[in-house]
Amino acid sequence: MSYTREQIEAAVKAKGYKYFENGEFNVNIIGVRNSSTGTKVTNVFDDHLTISYKENGEWKFKIWPATTDPGTKGVKEFHNAAGVARLVPGQYSGSHHINLHQGKYEALKQKANVKVYRDANKDMNYDESKIQEGIFGINIHKAGADSTYVENWSEGCQVFKKSADFDAFMAICKKAASLGGNSFTYTLIESKDIK
C-alpha cells in the first residue's frame, strides 16, 4: 500500500492536526499504522513512515516501509514493568530532536512527552486499555540493512525497515535542523484515516 502526499495532508488536517506548509525544509514527519491488522502482533514492517516538505518552493514527499508497533520479542520480553510500549496515535509537537539512539548513532530521539499504550500480558494482541504519558525513549531509528521481522527492534519506537531509507530520512532532518532548529513534531495516524 502506498499513499500520496496529498492523501497524508488531508488525513492529518481532518484530525485537526498541524501540517507545516511554510518555509524550506519545514518537515512533516508522519507515521501511518496499518489499521487492517487490528490489535494483532504481526512482527513485520507493515506500516509506513513519511516525510513531506518544501524545497525551493516545491513539495517533496518520501514514504518508506517501517513499523510503528513493537514486535514479538518486544511484546514477550519487554524491559518496563508496566508492559511494552506502543505509541498512541496523535500529534506530538516538538517531541523529537537529533541525538544519539542508545548512545550509538544519530536518530530522532524523544525529548518531550508522548502517550503510549502499555501491554504486559504477552498474549500477542496489543492492549489499548492502559495509557501512560511521559518520556520513554520512543525514538525514530533504523532496524538492520533490510530487516524481515520486527522482534525487539521496536519496544515502542518507530523503526525503519531499511537502514538506507533511514539514512535518506536523517539527511533531510539534518538539513531541516540546520535551517529551522533541532526540534521535530511527530504525527502518527492510522491507515483507516486516509481516504
N, C-alpha and C. Protein backbone atom coordinates (compact mmCIF):
# COMPACT_ATOMS: atom_id res chain seq x y z
N MET A 1 0.86 -1.20 0.00
CA MET A 1 0.00 0.00 0.00
C MET A 1 0.88 1.24 0.00
N SER A 2 0.57 2.17 -0.86
CA SER A 2 1.31 3.43 -0.86
C SER A 2 0.32 4.59 -0.86
N TYR A 3 0.80 5.72 -0.43
CA TYR A 3 -0.07 6.89 -0.32
C TYR A 3 0.60 8.08 -1.00
N THR A 4 -0.22 9.08 -1.35
CA THR A 4 0.32 10.31 -1.91
C THR A 4 0.48 11.34 -0.80
N ARG A 5 1.27 12.34 -1.07
CA ARG A 5 1.44 13.43 -0.11
C ARG A 5 0.09 14.09 0.19
N GLU A 6 -0.70 14.26 -0.85
CA GLU A 6 -2.00 14.93 -0.69
C GLU A 6 -2.93 14.13 0.22
N GLN A 7 -2.89 12.80 0.10
CA GLN A 7 -3.72 11.96 0.97
C GLN A 7 -3.30 12.09 2.43
N ILE A 8 -1.99 12.10 2.65
CA ILE A 8 -1.46 12.24 4.01
C ILE A 8 -1.85 13.61 4.58
N GLU A 9 -1.66 14.66 3.78
CA GLU A 9 -2.00 16.02 4.22
C GLU A 9 -3.48 16.10 4.62
N ALA A 10 -4.35 15.56 3.77
CA ALA A 10 -5.79 15.62 4.03
C ALA A 10 -6.15 14.87 5.31
N ALA A 11 -5.53 13.71 5.53
CA ALA A 11 -5.82 12.91 6.72
C ALA A 11 -5.37 13.63 7.99
N VAL A 12 -4.21 14.25 7.93
CA VAL A 12 -3.66 14.98 9.08
C VAL A 12 -4.56 16.18 9.41
N LYS A 13 -4.93 16.93 8.38
CA LYS A 13 -5.78 18.11 8.61
C LYS A 13 -7.18 17.72 9.10
N ALA A 14 -7.70 16.58 8.61
CA ALA A 14 -9.02 16.12 9.04
C ALA A 14 -9.05 15.80 10.53
N LYS A 15 -7.88 15.44 11.08
CA LYS A 15 -7.77 15.16 12.52
C LYS A 15 -7.63 16.45 13.33
N GLY A 16 -7.48 17.58 12.64
CA GLY A 16 -7.28 18.84 13.33
C GLY A 16 -5.83 19.09 13.72
N TYR A 17 -4.92 18.31 13.13
CA TYR A 17 -3.50 18.47 13.43
C TYR A 17 -2.88 19.51 12.51
N LYS A 18 -1.71 20.00 12.91
CA LYS A 18 -0.97 20.95 12.07
C LYS A 18 -0.26 20.21 10.94
N TYR A 19 -0.27 20.85 9.77
CA TYR A 19 0.51 20.35 8.64
C TYR A 19 1.32 21.54 8.16
N PHE A 20 2.64 21.44 8.27
CA PHE A 20 3.51 22.59 8.03
C PHE A 20 3.69 22.84 6.54
N GLU A 21 3.31 24.05 6.12
CA GLU A 21 3.33 24.37 4.69
C GLU A 21 4.26 25.53 4.34
N ASN A 22 4.73 26.27 5.36
CA ASN A 22 5.55 27.46 5.11
C ASN A 22 7.02 27.16 5.34
N GLY A 23 7.86 27.78 4.51
CA GLY A 23 9.30 27.69 4.73
C GLY A 23 9.94 26.49 4.07
N GLU A 24 11.26 26.56 3.99
CA GLU A 24 12.05 25.49 3.38
C GLU A 24 12.34 24.40 4.42
N PHE A 25 12.18 23.16 4.02
CA PHE A 25 12.51 22.02 4.88
C PHE A 25 11.79 22.09 6.25
N ASN A 26 10.57 22.64 6.24
CA ASN A 26 9.74 22.62 7.45
C ASN A 26 8.98 21.29 7.40
N VAL A 27 9.61 20.26 7.94
CA VAL A 27 9.21 18.89 7.65
C VAL A 27 7.96 18.44 8.41
N ASN A 28 7.15 17.64 7.71
CA ASN A 28 6.03 16.92 8.29
C ASN A 28 6.45 15.45 8.37
N ILE A 29 6.69 14.97 9.58
CA ILE A 29 7.08 13.57 9.77
C ILE A 29 5.84 12.83 10.27
N ILE A 30 5.33 11.94 9.43
CA ILE A 30 4.04 11.31 9.72
C ILE A 30 4.15 9.80 9.54
N GLY A 31 3.83 9.09 10.61
CA GLY A 31 3.76 7.63 10.55
C GLY A 31 2.34 7.20 10.24
N VAL A 32 2.23 6.09 9.50
CA VAL A 32 0.92 5.53 9.17
C VAL A 32 0.88 4.08 9.66
N ARG A 33 0.07 3.85 10.68
CA ARG A 33 -0.07 2.49 11.22
C ARG A 33 -1.11 1.72 10.41
N ASN A 34 -0.79 0.49 10.09
CA ASN A 34 -1.68 -0.37 9.32
C ASN A 34 -2.89 -0.77 10.17
N SER A 35 -4.05 -0.21 9.85
CA SER A 35 -5.26 -0.48 10.64
C SER A 35 -5.82 -1.87 10.37
N SER A 36 -5.50 -2.46 9.22
CA SER A 36 -6.16 -3.71 8.82
C SER A 36 -5.79 -4.89 9.71
N THR A 37 -4.69 -4.78 10.46
CA THR A 37 -4.27 -5.89 11.32
C THR A 37 -4.87 -5.80 12.72
N GLY A 38 -5.60 -4.71 13.00
CA GLY A 38 -6.23 -4.55 14.31
C GLY A 38 -5.20 -4.51 15.43
N THR A 39 -5.43 -5.30 16.48
CA THR A 39 -4.51 -5.30 17.62
C THR A 39 -3.58 -6.52 17.61
N LYS A 40 -3.57 -7.24 16.50
CA LYS A 40 -2.74 -8.45 16.41
C LYS A 40 -1.26 -8.08 16.21
N VAL A 41 -0.37 -8.75 16.91
CA VAL A 41 1.07 -8.55 16.72
C VAL A 41 1.49 -9.28 15.45
N THR A 42 1.91 -8.53 14.43
CA THR A 42 2.28 -9.16 13.15
C THR A 42 3.78 -9.45 13.06
N ASN A 43 4.59 -8.71 13.80
CA ASN A 43 6.06 -8.87 13.80
C ASN A 43 6.70 -8.55 12.46
N VAL A 44 5.99 -7.84 11.58
CA VAL A 44 6.58 -7.43 10.30
C VAL A 44 6.45 -5.92 10.12
N PHE A 45 7.21 -5.41 9.17
CA PHE A 45 7.25 -3.96 8.90
C PHE A 45 6.10 -3.60 7.96
N ASP A 46 4.88 -3.59 8.50
CA ASP A 46 3.69 -3.38 7.66
C ASP A 46 3.08 -1.99 7.85
N ASP A 47 3.87 -1.06 8.36
CA ASP A 47 3.44 0.34 8.49
C ASP A 47 4.32 1.20 7.58
N HIS A 48 4.13 2.52 7.63
CA HIS A 48 4.93 3.43 6.81
C HIS A 48 5.38 4.64 7.62
N LEU A 49 6.54 5.16 7.27
CA LEU A 49 6.97 6.47 7.74
C LEU A 49 7.08 7.38 6.53
N THR A 50 6.56 8.59 6.66
CA THR A 50 6.57 9.55 5.55
C THR A 50 7.18 10.87 6.00
N ILE A 51 7.70 11.59 5.03
CA ILE A 51 8.15 12.95 5.29
C ILE A 51 7.76 13.80 4.09
N SER A 52 7.23 14.98 4.36
CA SER A 52 6.90 15.92 3.29
C SER A 52 7.36 17.31 3.70
N TYR A 53 7.86 18.05 2.72
CA TYR A 53 8.45 19.37 3.00
C TYR A 53 8.62 20.09 1.66
N LYS A 54 8.87 21.39 1.76
CA LYS A 54 9.13 22.17 0.56
C LYS A 54 10.63 22.44 0.40
N GLU A 55 11.09 22.27 -0.83
CA GLU A 55 12.47 22.61 -1.18
C GLU A 55 12.40 23.49 -2.43
N ASN A 56 12.96 24.69 -2.31
CA ASN A 56 12.85 25.67 -3.41
C ASN A 56 11.39 25.90 -3.80
N GLY A 57 10.52 25.91 -2.79
CA GLY A 57 9.10 26.19 -3.02
C GLY A 57 8.30 25.04 -3.57
N GLU A 58 8.94 23.88 -3.80
CA GLU A 58 8.23 22.72 -4.37
C GLU A 58 8.10 21.62 -3.34
N TRP A 59 6.93 20.98 -3.32
CA TRP A 59 6.72 19.88 -2.38
C TRP A 59 7.58 18.68 -2.72
N LYS A 60 8.16 18.09 -1.69
CA LYS A 60 8.87 16.81 -1.80
C LYS A 60 8.18 15.84 -0.85
N PHE A 61 8.12 14.58 -1.24
CA PHE A 61 7.43 13.58 -0.42
C PHE A 61 8.14 12.24 -0.54
N LYS A 62 8.40 11.64 0.60
CA LYS A 62 9.02 10.30 0.64
C LYS A 62 8.18 9.42 1.55
N ILE A 63 8.11 8.13 1.19
CA ILE A 63 7.39 7.15 2.00
C ILE A 63 8.22 5.87 2.05
N TRP A 64 8.36 5.32 3.26
CA TRP A 64 9.21 4.15 3.44
C TRP A 64 8.53 3.10 4.32
N PRO A 65 8.85 1.80 4.09
CA PRO A 65 8.33 0.76 4.97
C PRO A 65 8.95 0.87 6.37
N ALA A 66 8.12 0.62 7.38
CA ALA A 66 8.57 0.80 8.75
C ALA A 66 7.62 0.03 9.67
N THR A 67 7.89 0.11 10.97
CA THR A 67 6.92 -0.36 11.96
C THR A 67 6.66 0.74 12.97
N THR A 68 5.41 0.86 13.39
CA THR A 68 5.05 1.77 14.49
C THR A 68 4.65 0.95 15.71
N ASP A 69 4.85 -0.38 15.61
CA ASP A 69 4.42 -1.31 16.66
C ASP A 69 5.59 -2.16 17.14
N PRO A 70 5.59 -2.55 18.41
CA PRO A 70 6.60 -3.50 18.88
C PRO A 70 6.42 -4.88 18.24
N GLY A 71 7.52 -5.61 18.14
CA GLY A 71 7.48 -6.96 17.57
C GLY A 71 7.33 -8.03 18.63
N THR A 72 7.39 -9.30 18.19
CA THR A 72 7.15 -10.44 19.08
C THR A 72 8.07 -10.44 20.30
N LYS A 73 9.37 -10.27 20.06
CA LYS A 73 10.30 -10.27 21.20
C LYS A 73 10.02 -9.11 22.14
N GLY A 74 9.71 -7.94 21.57
CA GLY A 74 9.38 -6.77 22.39
C GLY A 74 8.16 -7.01 23.27
N VAL A 75 7.16 -7.69 22.70
CA VAL A 75 5.91 -7.96 23.42
C VAL A 75 6.12 -9.00 24.53
N LYS A 76 7.04 -9.94 24.29
CA LYS A 76 7.24 -11.03 25.25
C LYS A 76 8.36 -10.77 26.25
N GLU A 77 9.31 -9.89 25.90
CA GLU A 77 10.50 -9.71 26.75
C GLU A 77 10.73 -8.23 27.06
N PHE A 78 9.66 -7.48 27.28
CA PHE A 78 9.77 -6.04 27.50
C PHE A 78 10.58 -5.70 28.75
N HIS A 79 11.13 -4.48 28.78
CA HIS A 79 12.03 -4.06 29.86
C HIS A 79 11.41 -3.03 30.80
N ASN A 80 10.10 -2.81 30.68
CA ASN A 80 9.41 -1.88 31.58
C ASN A 80 8.34 -2.68 32.31
N ALA A 81 8.34 -2.58 33.64
CA ALA A 81 7.42 -3.39 34.45
C ALA A 81 5.95 -3.18 34.07
N ALA A 82 5.64 -1.99 33.54
CA ALA A 82 4.24 -1.69 33.17
C ALA A 82 3.83 -2.37 31.88
N GLY A 83 4.80 -2.91 31.14
CA GLY A 83 4.49 -3.58 29.87
C GLY A 83 5.17 -2.89 28.70
N VAL A 84 5.09 -3.55 27.55
CA VAL A 84 5.71 -2.99 26.35
C VAL A 84 4.94 -1.74 25.91
N ALA A 85 5.67 -0.77 25.36
CA ALA A 85 5.05 0.48 24.90
C ALA A 85 4.62 0.37 23.44
N ARG A 86 3.51 1.03 23.13
CA ARG A 86 3.05 1.18 21.73
C ARG A 86 2.48 2.58 21.63
N LEU A 87 3.02 3.37 20.73
CA LEU A 87 2.65 4.78 20.65
C LEU A 87 1.16 4.95 20.33
N VAL A 88 0.51 5.83 21.08
CA VAL A 88 -0.89 6.18 20.82
C VAL A 88 -0.93 7.14 19.63
N PRO A 89 -1.79 6.89 18.63
CA PRO A 89 -1.88 7.83 17.51
C PRO A 89 -2.16 9.25 18.02
N GLY A 90 -1.53 10.23 17.36
CA GLY A 90 -1.71 11.62 17.76
C GLY A 90 -0.60 12.47 17.17
N GLN A 91 -0.65 13.76 17.46
CA GLN A 91 0.41 14.67 17.03
C GLN A 91 1.16 15.14 18.27
N TYR A 92 2.47 14.94 18.22
CA TYR A 92 3.33 15.24 19.36
C TYR A 92 4.27 16.38 18.97
N SER A 93 3.88 17.58 19.39
CA SER A 93 4.58 18.79 18.98
C SER A 93 5.95 18.88 19.64
N GLY A 94 6.98 19.11 18.82
CA GLY A 94 8.34 19.25 19.32
C GLY A 94 8.81 18.06 20.13
N SER A 95 8.37 16.87 19.75
CA SER A 95 8.62 15.67 20.56
C SER A 95 10.01 15.07 20.39
N HIS A 96 10.68 15.40 19.29
CA HIS A 96 11.95 14.73 18.97
C HIS A 96 13.04 15.72 18.56
N HIS A 97 14.27 15.29 18.72
CA HIS A 97 15.42 16.05 18.22
C HIS A 97 16.50 15.07 17.78
N ILE A 98 17.44 15.58 16.99
CA ILE A 98 18.55 14.73 16.54
C ILE A 98 19.49 14.53 17.72
N ASN A 99 19.69 13.28 18.08
CA ASN A 99 20.56 12.93 19.19
C ASN A 99 20.90 11.45 19.04
N LEU A 100 21.69 10.91 19.94
CA LEU A 100 22.11 9.52 19.80
C LEU A 100 21.04 8.55 20.28
N HIS A 101 20.77 7.53 19.46
CA HIS A 101 19.88 6.44 19.83
C HIS A 101 20.71 5.41 20.61
N GLN A 102 20.35 5.20 21.86
CA GLN A 102 21.07 4.28 22.75
C GLN A 102 22.57 4.56 22.78
N GLY A 103 22.94 5.84 22.59
CA GLY A 103 24.34 6.23 22.62
C GLY A 103 25.16 5.77 21.43
N LYS A 104 24.49 5.25 20.37
CA LYS A 104 25.21 4.60 19.28
C LYS A 104 25.30 5.43 17.99
N TYR A 105 24.19 5.93 17.51
CA TYR A 105 24.19 6.66 16.24
C TYR A 105 23.08 7.70 16.27
N GLU A 106 23.22 8.71 15.39
CA GLU A 106 22.22 9.79 15.37
C GLU A 106 20.89 9.28 14.82
N ALA A 107 19.85 9.64 15.54
CA ALA A 107 18.48 9.30 15.15
C ALA A 107 17.60 10.44 15.66
N LEU A 108 16.29 10.29 15.54
CA LEU A 108 15.39 11.26 16.18
C LEU A 108 15.03 10.70 17.54
N LYS A 109 15.48 11.38 18.58
CA LYS A 109 15.33 10.93 19.96
C LYS A 109 14.20 11.70 20.63
N GLN A 110 13.40 10.98 21.40
CA GLN A 110 12.29 11.62 22.11
C GLN A 110 12.82 12.63 23.13
N LYS A 111 12.22 13.85 23.12
CA LYS A 111 12.62 14.88 24.09
C LYS A 111 11.44 15.52 24.81
N ALA A 112 10.23 15.20 24.40
CA ALA A 112 9.03 15.73 25.07
C ALA A 112 8.02 14.59 25.21
N ASN A 113 7.04 14.81 26.07
CA ASN A 113 6.09 13.74 26.39
C ASN A 113 5.33 13.22 25.17
N VAL A 114 5.13 11.90 25.18
CA VAL A 114 4.20 11.25 24.24
C VAL A 114 3.31 10.32 25.07
N LYS A 115 2.27 9.82 24.44
CA LYS A 115 1.38 8.86 25.11
C LYS A 115 1.62 7.48 24.52
N VAL A 116 1.70 6.49 25.40
CA VAL A 116 1.86 5.11 24.94
C VAL A 116 0.83 4.22 25.63
N TYR A 117 0.40 3.20 24.86
CA TYR A 117 -0.33 2.10 25.48
C TYR A 117 0.70 1.22 26.18
N ARG A 118 0.32 0.60 27.29
CA ARG A 118 1.18 -0.37 27.98
C ARG A 118 0.50 -1.73 27.98
N ASP A 119 1.26 -2.74 27.58
CA ASP A 119 0.72 -4.09 27.43
C ASP A 119 1.65 -5.06 28.14
N ALA A 120 1.15 -5.70 29.19
CA ALA A 120 2.00 -6.59 29.98
C ALA A 120 1.57 -8.06 29.95
N ASN A 121 0.52 -8.41 29.17
CA ASN A 121 0.02 -9.79 29.29
C ASN A 121 0.60 -10.78 28.27
N LYS A 122 1.40 -10.31 27.33
CA LYS A 122 2.15 -11.18 26.40
C LYS A 122 1.26 -12.11 25.57
N ASP A 123 0.01 -11.71 25.31
CA ASP A 123 -0.91 -12.61 24.59
C ASP A 123 -0.89 -12.42 23.08
N MET A 124 0.07 -11.63 22.58
CA MET A 124 0.24 -11.38 21.14
C MET A 124 -0.91 -10.57 20.53
N ASN A 125 -1.63 -9.87 21.39
CA ASN A 125 -2.57 -8.84 20.96
C ASN A 125 -2.25 -7.57 21.73
N TYR A 126 -2.20 -6.45 21.03
CA TYR A 126 -1.88 -5.19 21.69
C TYR A 126 -3.04 -4.75 22.57
N ASP A 127 -2.73 -4.45 23.82
CA ASP A 127 -3.72 -3.97 24.77
C ASP A 127 -3.78 -2.44 24.66
N GLU A 128 -4.98 -1.90 24.53
CA GLU A 128 -5.13 -0.45 24.41
C GLU A 128 -5.91 0.14 25.58
N SER A 129 -5.91 -0.55 26.72
CA SER A 129 -6.70 -0.08 27.86
C SER A 129 -5.88 0.79 28.82
N LYS A 130 -4.56 0.62 28.86
CA LYS A 130 -3.72 1.40 29.78
C LYS A 130 -2.87 2.38 29.00
N ILE A 131 -2.96 3.67 29.36
CA ILE A 131 -2.16 4.70 28.68
C ILE A 131 -1.28 5.40 29.70
N GLN A 132 -0.01 5.57 29.35
CA GLN A 132 0.94 6.34 30.15
C GLN A 132 1.43 7.50 29.31
N GLU A 133 1.76 8.62 29.97
CA GLU A 133 2.34 9.76 29.26
C GLU A 133 3.68 10.09 29.90
N GLY A 134 4.69 10.34 29.04
CA GLY A 134 6.00 10.69 29.58
C GLY A 134 7.08 10.54 28.53
N ILE A 135 8.33 10.52 29.00
CA ILE A 135 9.48 10.30 28.13
C ILE A 135 9.96 8.88 28.37
N PHE A 136 9.84 8.07 27.34
CA PHE A 136 10.13 6.64 27.46
C PHE A 136 11.17 6.16 26.45
N GLY A 137 11.84 7.09 25.77
CA GLY A 137 12.79 6.66 24.73
C GLY A 137 12.09 6.17 23.48
N ILE A 138 10.97 6.79 23.13
CA ILE A 138 10.24 6.43 21.91
C ILE A 138 10.92 7.16 20.74
N ASN A 139 11.98 6.55 20.23
CA ASN A 139 12.80 7.18 19.21
C ASN A 139 12.36 6.75 17.81
N ILE A 140 12.85 7.48 16.81
CA ILE A 140 12.65 7.12 15.41
C ILE A 140 14.02 6.70 14.91
N HIS A 141 14.18 5.40 14.64
CA HIS A 141 15.51 4.88 14.31
C HIS A 141 15.40 3.79 13.25
N LYS A 142 16.48 3.06 13.04
CA LYS A 142 16.54 2.05 11.97
C LYS A 142 16.64 0.64 12.55
N ALA A 143 16.22 -0.31 11.74
CA ALA A 143 16.48 -1.71 12.04
C ALA A 143 17.81 -2.06 11.34
N GLY A 144 17.88 -3.23 10.69
CA GLY A 144 19.11 -3.62 10.01
C GLY A 144 19.15 -3.12 8.57
N ALA A 145 20.01 -3.71 7.78
CA ALA A 145 20.17 -3.30 6.38
C ALA A 145 18.83 -3.42 5.64
N ASP A 146 18.13 -4.55 5.85
CA ASP A 146 16.79 -4.76 5.29
C ASP A 146 16.13 -5.84 6.13
N SER A 147 15.59 -5.45 7.27
CA SER A 147 15.10 -6.42 8.25
C SER A 147 13.76 -7.02 7.83
N THR A 148 13.59 -8.31 8.11
CA THR A 148 12.35 -9.01 7.78
C THR A 148 11.36 -8.95 8.93
N TYR A 149 11.86 -9.17 10.16
CA TYR A 149 10.99 -9.23 11.33
C TYR A 149 11.32 -8.11 12.32
N VAL A 150 10.29 -7.64 13.01
CA VAL A 150 10.47 -6.53 13.95
C VAL A 150 11.15 -7.00 15.24
N GLU A 151 10.70 -8.14 15.79
CA GLU A 151 11.22 -8.68 17.05
C GLU A 151 11.34 -7.57 18.10
N ASN A 152 12.58 -7.29 18.59
CA ASN A 152 12.71 -6.20 19.56
C ASN A 152 13.42 -4.98 18.98
N TRP A 153 13.40 -4.84 17.65
CA TRP A 153 13.84 -3.55 17.07
C TRP A 153 12.95 -2.44 17.62
N SER A 154 11.68 -2.77 17.88
CA SER A 154 10.77 -1.77 18.47
C SER A 154 10.18 -2.29 19.76
N GLU A 155 10.34 -1.49 20.82
CA GLU A 155 9.57 -1.67 22.05
C GLU A 155 8.82 -0.35 22.29
N GLY A 156 8.26 0.17 21.19
CA GLY A 156 7.56 1.45 21.22
C GLY A 156 8.11 2.43 20.20
N CYS A 157 9.35 2.20 19.76
CA CYS A 157 9.98 3.09 18.78
C CYS A 157 9.32 2.95 17.41
N GLN A 158 9.55 3.97 16.59
CA GLN A 158 9.10 4.00 15.20
C GLN A 158 10.33 3.66 14.37
N VAL A 159 10.30 2.53 13.66
CA VAL A 159 11.55 1.95 13.15
C VAL A 159 11.49 1.69 11.64
N PHE A 160 12.49 2.21 10.94
CA PHE A 160 12.64 1.96 9.50
C PHE A 160 13.07 0.53 9.24
N LYS A 161 12.46 -0.10 8.24
CA LYS A 161 12.82 -1.46 7.84
C LYS A 161 14.25 -1.52 7.29
N LYS A 162 14.62 -0.49 6.49
CA LYS A 162 15.90 -0.50 5.78
C LYS A 162 16.78 0.65 6.26
N SER A 163 18.03 0.33 6.56
CA SER A 163 18.95 1.36 7.06
C SER A 163 19.20 2.44 6.00
N ALA A 164 19.20 2.09 4.72
CA ALA A 164 19.43 3.10 3.67
C ALA A 164 18.29 4.11 3.63
N ASP A 165 17.06 3.66 3.85
CA ASP A 165 15.91 4.58 3.91
C ASP A 165 16.06 5.53 5.09
N PHE A 166 16.47 4.98 6.23
CA PHE A 166 16.69 5.80 7.42
C PHE A 166 17.77 6.85 7.17
N ASP A 167 18.84 6.45 6.48
CA ASP A 167 19.92 7.41 6.18
C ASP A 167 19.41 8.57 5.33
N ALA A 168 18.54 8.24 4.35
CA ALA A 168 17.96 9.29 3.50
C ALA A 168 17.07 10.21 4.33
N PHE A 169 16.30 9.64 5.24
CA PHE A 169 15.43 10.39 6.14
C PHE A 169 16.26 11.33 7.02
N MET A 170 17.33 10.81 7.60
CA MET A 170 18.15 11.62 8.51
C MET A 170 18.85 12.76 7.78
N ALA A 171 19.23 12.55 6.53
CA ALA A 171 19.86 13.63 5.75
C ALA A 171 18.89 14.80 5.61
N ILE A 172 17.61 14.50 5.38
CA ILE A 172 16.58 15.54 5.28
C ILE A 172 16.40 16.23 6.63
N CYS A 173 16.36 15.44 7.71
CA CYS A 173 16.18 16.01 9.05
C CYS A 173 17.34 16.91 9.44
N LYS A 174 18.56 16.52 9.06
CA LYS A 174 19.73 17.35 9.40
C LYS A 174 19.68 18.68 8.66
N LYS A 175 19.25 18.65 7.41
CA LYS A 175 19.09 19.89 6.64
C LYS A 175 18.00 20.76 7.29
N ALA A 176 16.90 20.12 7.71
CA ALA A 176 15.80 20.84 8.38
C ALA A 176 16.29 21.48 9.67
N ALA A 177 17.10 20.74 10.44
CA ALA A 177 17.61 21.26 11.72
C ALA A 177 18.53 22.45 11.50
N SER A 178 19.32 22.39 10.42
CA SER A 178 20.25 23.49 10.13
C SER A 178 19.51 24.77 9.76
N LEU A 179 18.31 24.63 9.20
CA LEU A 179 17.53 25.79 8.77
C LEU A 179 16.53 26.26 9.83
N GLY A 180 15.95 25.32 10.58
CA GLY A 180 14.85 25.70 11.46
C GLY A 180 15.01 25.30 12.91
N GLY A 181 16.15 24.71 13.26
CA GLY A 181 16.35 24.30 14.64
C GLY A 181 16.11 22.82 14.85
N ASN A 182 16.76 22.28 15.88
CA ASN A 182 16.74 20.84 16.13
C ASN A 182 15.54 20.45 16.99
N SER A 183 14.37 20.57 16.40
CA SER A 183 13.14 20.17 17.08
C SER A 183 12.14 19.71 16.04
N PHE A 184 11.57 18.53 16.25
CA PHE A 184 10.70 17.92 15.25
C PHE A 184 9.40 17.45 15.89
N THR A 185 8.30 17.70 15.17
CA THR A 185 6.99 17.20 15.57
C THR A 185 6.76 15.87 14.88
N TYR A 186 6.27 14.90 15.64
CA TYR A 186 5.94 13.59 15.04
C TYR A 186 4.44 13.36 15.15
N THR A 187 3.86 12.91 14.05
CA THR A 187 2.42 12.64 13.99
C THR A 187 2.21 11.19 13.58
N LEU A 188 1.39 10.49 14.33
CA LEU A 188 1.04 9.10 13.98
C LEU A 188 -0.45 9.03 13.68
N ILE A 189 -0.78 8.58 12.48
CA ILE A 189 -2.16 8.36 12.09
C ILE A 189 -2.33 6.88 11.74
N GLU A 190 -3.56 6.50 11.44
CA GLU A 190 -3.83 5.11 11.05
C GLU A 190 -4.25 5.07 9.58
N SER A 191 -3.98 3.93 8.94
CA SER A 191 -4.31 3.84 7.51
C SER A 191 -5.80 4.05 7.26
N LYS A 192 -6.65 3.71 8.22
CA LYS A 192 -8.09 3.93 8.05
C LYS A 192 -8.46 5.40 8.01
N ASP A 193 -7.53 6.28 8.48
CA ASP A 193 -7.78 7.73 8.43
C ASP A 193 -7.59 8.29 7.03
N ILE A 194 -6.96 7.51 6.15
CA ILE A 194 -6.60 8.02 4.81
C ILE A 194 -7.67 7.65 3.82
N LYS A 195 -8.16 8.67 3.11
CA LYS A 195 -9.25 8.45 2.14
C LYS A 195 -8.65 8.27 0.75
